[in-house]
């Protein structure tokens, strides 16, 4: 599971196939808790898919981290998933 970004105690992970599937998304971890955020496709928007125990302020921070690095994360997704 490659960590592609770390910031402010958050770890952003893009899992590789065959464990993972579309649509493009990132797993964001902090303190053993996770939020899965779908990456925006052309004409679409970023959205939260799953929250697993993460506190709302941390979910908001994770969302902003992904939003601020979305181009990098989409490049990483394409690298692993084509």
N, C-alpha and C. Protein backbone atom coordinates (compact mmCIF):
# COMPACT_ATOMS: atom_id res chain seq x y z
N UNK A 1 0.84 -1.17 0.00
CA UNK A 1 0.00 0.00 0.00
C UNK A 1 0.88 1.23 0.00
N UNK A 2 1.08 1.83 -1.14
CA UNK A 2 1.97 2.98 -1.22
C UNK A 2 1.34 4.24 -0.62
N UNK A 3 2.05 4.80 0.34
CA UNK A 3 1.67 6.11 0.86
C UNK A 3 2.18 7.13 -0.14
N UNK A 4 1.28 7.94 -0.67
CA UNK A 4 1.68 8.89 -1.70
C UNK A 4 1.80 10.30 -1.16
N UNK A 5 1.32 10.52 0.08
CA UNK A 5 1.38 11.86 0.65
C UNK A 5 1.22 11.75 2.15
N UNK A 6 2.00 12.51 2.86
CA UNK A 6 1.85 12.63 4.30
C UNK A 6 1.83 14.09 4.68
N UNK A 7 0.88 14.47 5.54
CA UNK A 7 0.79 15.88 5.93
C UNK A 7 0.01 15.99 7.25
N UNK A 8 0.56 16.72 8.20
CA UNK A 8 -0.14 17.03 9.45
C UNK A 8 -0.67 15.80 10.17
N UNK A 9 0.07 14.71 10.13
CA UNK A 9 -0.36 13.48 10.80
C UNK A 9 -1.28 12.61 9.97
N UNK A 10 -1.61 13.04 8.77
CA UNK A 10 -2.46 12.27 7.86
C UNK A 10 -1.57 11.51 6.88
N UNK A 11 -2.02 10.33 6.49
CA UNK A 11 -1.31 9.52 5.51
C UNK A 11 -2.30 9.21 4.40
N UNK A 12 -1.97 9.62 3.16
CA UNK A 12 -2.84 9.41 2.01
C UNK A 12 -2.30 8.24 1.21
N UNK A 13 -3.17 7.25 0.97
CA UNK A 13 -2.78 6.00 0.35
C UNK A 13 -3.64 5.76 -0.89
N UNK A 14 -2.99 5.28 -1.95
CA UNK A 14 -3.69 4.78 -3.14
C UNK A 14 -3.31 3.30 -3.23
N UNK A 15 -4.28 2.43 -3.05
CA UNK A 15 -4.02 1.00 -3.14
C UNK A 15 -3.94 0.58 -4.60
N UNK A 16 -3.14 -0.43 -4.85
CA UNK A 16 -2.95 -0.94 -6.21
C UNK A 16 -3.92 -2.07 -6.51
N UNK A 17 -4.19 -2.32 -7.80
CA UNK A 17 -4.99 -3.49 -8.16
C UNK A 17 -4.26 -4.74 -7.67
N UNK A 18 -4.81 -5.79 -7.44
CA UNK A 18 -6.18 -6.21 -7.57
C UNK A 18 -7.01 -5.94 -6.33
N UNK A 19 -6.40 -5.36 -5.31
CA UNK A 19 -7.11 -5.05 -4.07
C UNK A 19 -8.11 -3.92 -4.29
N UNK A 20 -7.88 -3.09 -5.26
CA UNK A 20 -8.63 -1.86 -5.41
C UNK A 20 -9.36 -1.80 -6.74
N UNK A 21 -10.31 -0.90 -6.83
CA UNK A 21 -11.15 -0.75 -8.01
C UNK A 21 -11.57 0.71 -8.12
N UNK A 22 -12.15 1.07 -9.27
CA UNK A 22 -12.61 2.43 -9.48
C UNK A 22 -13.91 2.69 -8.77
N UNK A 23 -14.37 3.91 -8.78
CA UNK A 23 -13.76 5.09 -9.39
C UNK A 23 -12.53 5.54 -8.60
N UNK A 24 -11.72 6.42 -9.18
CA UNK A 24 -10.51 6.89 -8.51
C UNK A 24 -10.83 7.47 -7.13
N UNK A 25 -10.05 7.03 -6.14
CA UNK A 25 -10.25 7.51 -4.78
C UNK A 25 -8.97 7.34 -3.98
N UNK A 26 -8.93 7.99 -2.84
CA UNK A 26 -7.79 7.91 -1.94
C UNK A 26 -8.29 7.51 -0.56
N UNK A 27 -7.48 6.75 0.14
CA UNK A 27 -7.74 6.40 1.54
C UNK A 27 -6.88 7.33 2.38
N UNK A 28 -7.49 8.03 3.31
CA UNK A 28 -6.74 8.94 4.18
C UNK A 28 -6.85 8.41 5.60
N UNK A 29 -5.69 8.20 6.21
CA UNK A 29 -5.59 7.62 7.55
C UNK A 29 -5.03 8.64 8.54
N UNK A 30 -5.56 8.60 9.76
CA UNK A 30 -4.97 9.34 10.87
C UNK A 30 -5.37 8.62 12.16
N UNK A 31 -4.38 8.30 12.97
CA UNK A 31 -4.60 7.66 14.27
C UNK A 31 -5.46 6.40 14.15
N UNK A 32 -5.20 5.60 13.10
CA UNK A 32 -5.92 4.35 12.93
C UNK A 32 -7.34 4.48 12.41
N UNK A 33 -7.72 5.69 12.05
CA UNK A 33 -9.07 5.94 11.52
C UNK A 33 -8.94 6.36 10.06
N UNK A 34 -10.01 6.11 9.30
CA UNK A 34 -9.90 6.28 7.85
C UNK A 34 -11.11 7.02 7.29
N UNK A 35 -10.83 7.76 6.22
CA UNK A 35 -11.89 8.30 5.36
C UNK A 35 -11.48 7.99 3.92
N UNK A 36 -12.45 7.58 3.11
CA UNK A 36 -12.20 7.32 1.69
C UNK A 36 -12.84 8.46 0.92
N UNK A 37 -12.03 9.10 0.09
CA UNK A 37 -12.48 10.28 -0.66
C UNK A 37 -12.34 10.00 -2.15
N UNK A 38 -13.46 10.12 -2.86
CA UNK A 38 -13.43 9.94 -4.31
C UNK A 38 -12.80 11.17 -4.95
N UNK A 39 -11.92 10.92 -5.91
CA UNK A 39 -11.24 12.00 -6.63
C UNK A 39 -12.13 12.46 -7.77
N UNK A 40 -12.12 13.75 -8.06
CA UNK A 40 -13.02 14.26 -9.11
C UNK A 40 -12.55 13.85 -10.50
N UNK A 41 -13.48 13.35 -11.27
CA UNK A 41 -13.24 13.10 -12.69
C UNK A 41 -13.65 14.35 -13.45
N UNK A 42 -13.26 14.51 -14.72
CA UNK A 42 -13.67 15.71 -15.47
C UNK A 42 -15.17 15.93 -15.38
N UNK A 43 -15.55 17.12 -15.01
CA UNK A 43 -16.96 17.47 -14.88
C UNK A 43 -17.58 17.02 -13.57
N UNK A 44 -16.82 16.33 -12.73
CA UNK A 44 -17.35 15.83 -11.47
C UNK A 44 -16.79 16.59 -10.28
N UNK A 45 -17.10 16.09 -9.11
CA UNK A 45 -16.60 16.74 -7.90
C UNK A 45 -16.07 15.69 -6.93
N UNK A 46 -15.22 16.14 -6.06
CA UNK A 46 -14.66 15.31 -5.02
C UNK A 46 -15.75 15.05 -3.97
N UNK A 47 -15.79 13.82 -3.43
CA UNK A 47 -16.79 13.55 -2.41
C UNK A 47 -16.31 12.48 -1.45
N UNK A 48 -16.87 12.49 -0.28
CA UNK A 48 -16.55 11.49 0.74
C UNK A 48 -17.39 10.25 0.48
N UNK A 49 -16.72 9.11 0.44
CA UNK A 49 -17.42 7.84 0.21
C UNK A 49 -17.70 7.13 1.54
N UNK A 50 -16.68 7.01 2.38
CA UNK A 50 -16.81 6.25 3.63
C UNK A 50 -16.02 6.96 4.72
N UNK A 51 -16.60 7.02 5.91
CA UNK A 51 -15.88 7.49 7.09
C UNK A 51 -15.86 6.33 8.07
N UNK A 52 -14.66 5.95 8.50
CA UNK A 52 -14.51 4.83 9.44
C UNK A 52 -13.87 5.33 10.73
N UNK A 53 -14.70 5.92 11.58
CA UNK A 53 -14.25 6.32 12.91
C UNK A 53 -13.53 7.65 13.01
N UNK A 54 -13.30 8.31 11.90
CA UNK A 54 -12.57 9.58 11.94
C UNK A 54 -13.48 10.70 12.42
N UNK A 55 -12.96 11.54 13.28
CA UNK A 55 -13.72 12.68 13.81
C UNK A 55 -14.02 13.70 12.72
N UNK A 56 -15.18 14.36 12.79
CA UNK A 56 -15.54 15.34 11.75
C UNK A 56 -14.48 16.40 11.45
N UNK A 57 -13.80 16.98 12.45
CA UNK A 57 -12.76 17.97 12.09
C UNK A 57 -11.61 17.34 11.29
N UNK A 58 -11.28 16.09 11.59
CA UNK A 58 -10.23 15.41 10.83
C UNK A 58 -10.70 15.04 9.43
N UNK A 59 -11.98 14.68 9.30
CA UNK A 59 -12.54 14.41 7.97
C UNK A 59 -12.43 15.67 7.11
N UNK A 60 -12.79 16.81 7.68
CA UNK A 60 -12.71 18.08 6.94
C UNK A 60 -11.28 18.39 6.54
N UNK A 61 -10.33 18.16 7.44
CA UNK A 61 -8.91 18.41 7.13
C UNK A 61 -8.43 17.45 6.04
N UNK A 62 -8.82 16.18 6.14
CA UNK A 62 -8.44 15.20 5.12
C UNK A 62 -9.00 15.60 3.76
N UNK A 63 -10.24 16.07 3.74
CA UNK A 63 -10.87 16.50 2.49
C UNK A 63 -10.06 17.64 1.86
N UNK A 64 -9.65 18.60 2.69
CA UNK A 64 -8.85 19.73 2.17
C UNK A 64 -7.49 19.27 1.67
N UNK A 65 -6.86 18.34 2.38
CA UNK A 65 -5.56 17.84 1.93
C UNK A 65 -5.70 17.20 0.55
N UNK A 66 -6.71 16.37 0.38
CA UNK A 66 -6.93 15.73 -0.92
C UNK A 66 -7.24 16.78 -1.97
N UNK A 67 -8.08 17.73 -1.64
CA UNK A 67 -8.44 18.80 -2.58
C UNK A 67 -7.21 19.58 -3.03
N UNK A 68 -6.30 19.85 -2.10
CA UNK A 68 -5.10 20.63 -2.43
C UNK A 68 -4.06 19.84 -3.21
N UNK A 69 -4.19 18.51 -3.25
CA UNK A 69 -3.20 17.67 -3.94
C UNK A 69 -3.85 16.75 -4.97
N UNK A 70 -5.02 17.14 -5.45
CA UNK A 70 -5.80 16.25 -6.31
C UNK A 70 -5.06 15.87 -7.60
N UNK A 71 -4.31 16.77 -8.19
CA UNK A 71 -3.59 16.42 -9.43
C UNK A 71 -2.55 15.33 -9.16
N UNK A 72 -1.79 15.46 -8.09
CA UNK A 72 -0.82 14.44 -7.71
C UNK A 72 -1.52 13.11 -7.47
N UNK A 73 -2.63 13.12 -6.75
CA UNK A 73 -3.33 11.89 -6.43
C UNK A 73 -3.92 11.23 -7.67
N UNK A 74 -4.44 12.02 -8.59
CA UNK A 74 -4.94 11.44 -9.85
C UNK A 74 -3.80 10.85 -10.68
N UNK A 75 -2.65 11.49 -10.69
CA UNK A 75 -1.48 10.93 -11.39
C UNK A 75 -1.10 9.59 -10.76
N UNK A 76 -1.09 9.52 -9.45
CA UNK A 76 -0.75 8.27 -8.77
C UNK A 76 -1.78 7.19 -9.07
N UNK A 77 -3.06 7.56 -9.07
CA UNK A 77 -4.11 6.59 -9.40
C UNK A 77 -3.88 6.02 -10.80
N UNK A 78 -3.62 6.90 -11.77
CA UNK A 78 -3.40 6.45 -13.14
C UNK A 78 -2.15 5.58 -13.24
N UNK A 79 -1.13 5.89 -12.46
CA UNK A 79 0.10 5.11 -12.47
C UNK A 79 -0.19 3.66 -12.05
N UNK A 80 -1.01 3.47 -11.04
CA UNK A 80 -1.31 2.15 -10.53
C UNK A 80 -2.44 1.45 -11.28
N UNK A 81 -3.39 2.22 -11.81
CA UNK A 81 -4.60 1.63 -12.39
C UNK A 81 -4.74 1.85 -13.89
N UNK A 82 -3.83 2.60 -14.48
CA UNK A 82 -3.89 2.85 -15.91
C UNK A 82 -4.81 3.94 -16.32
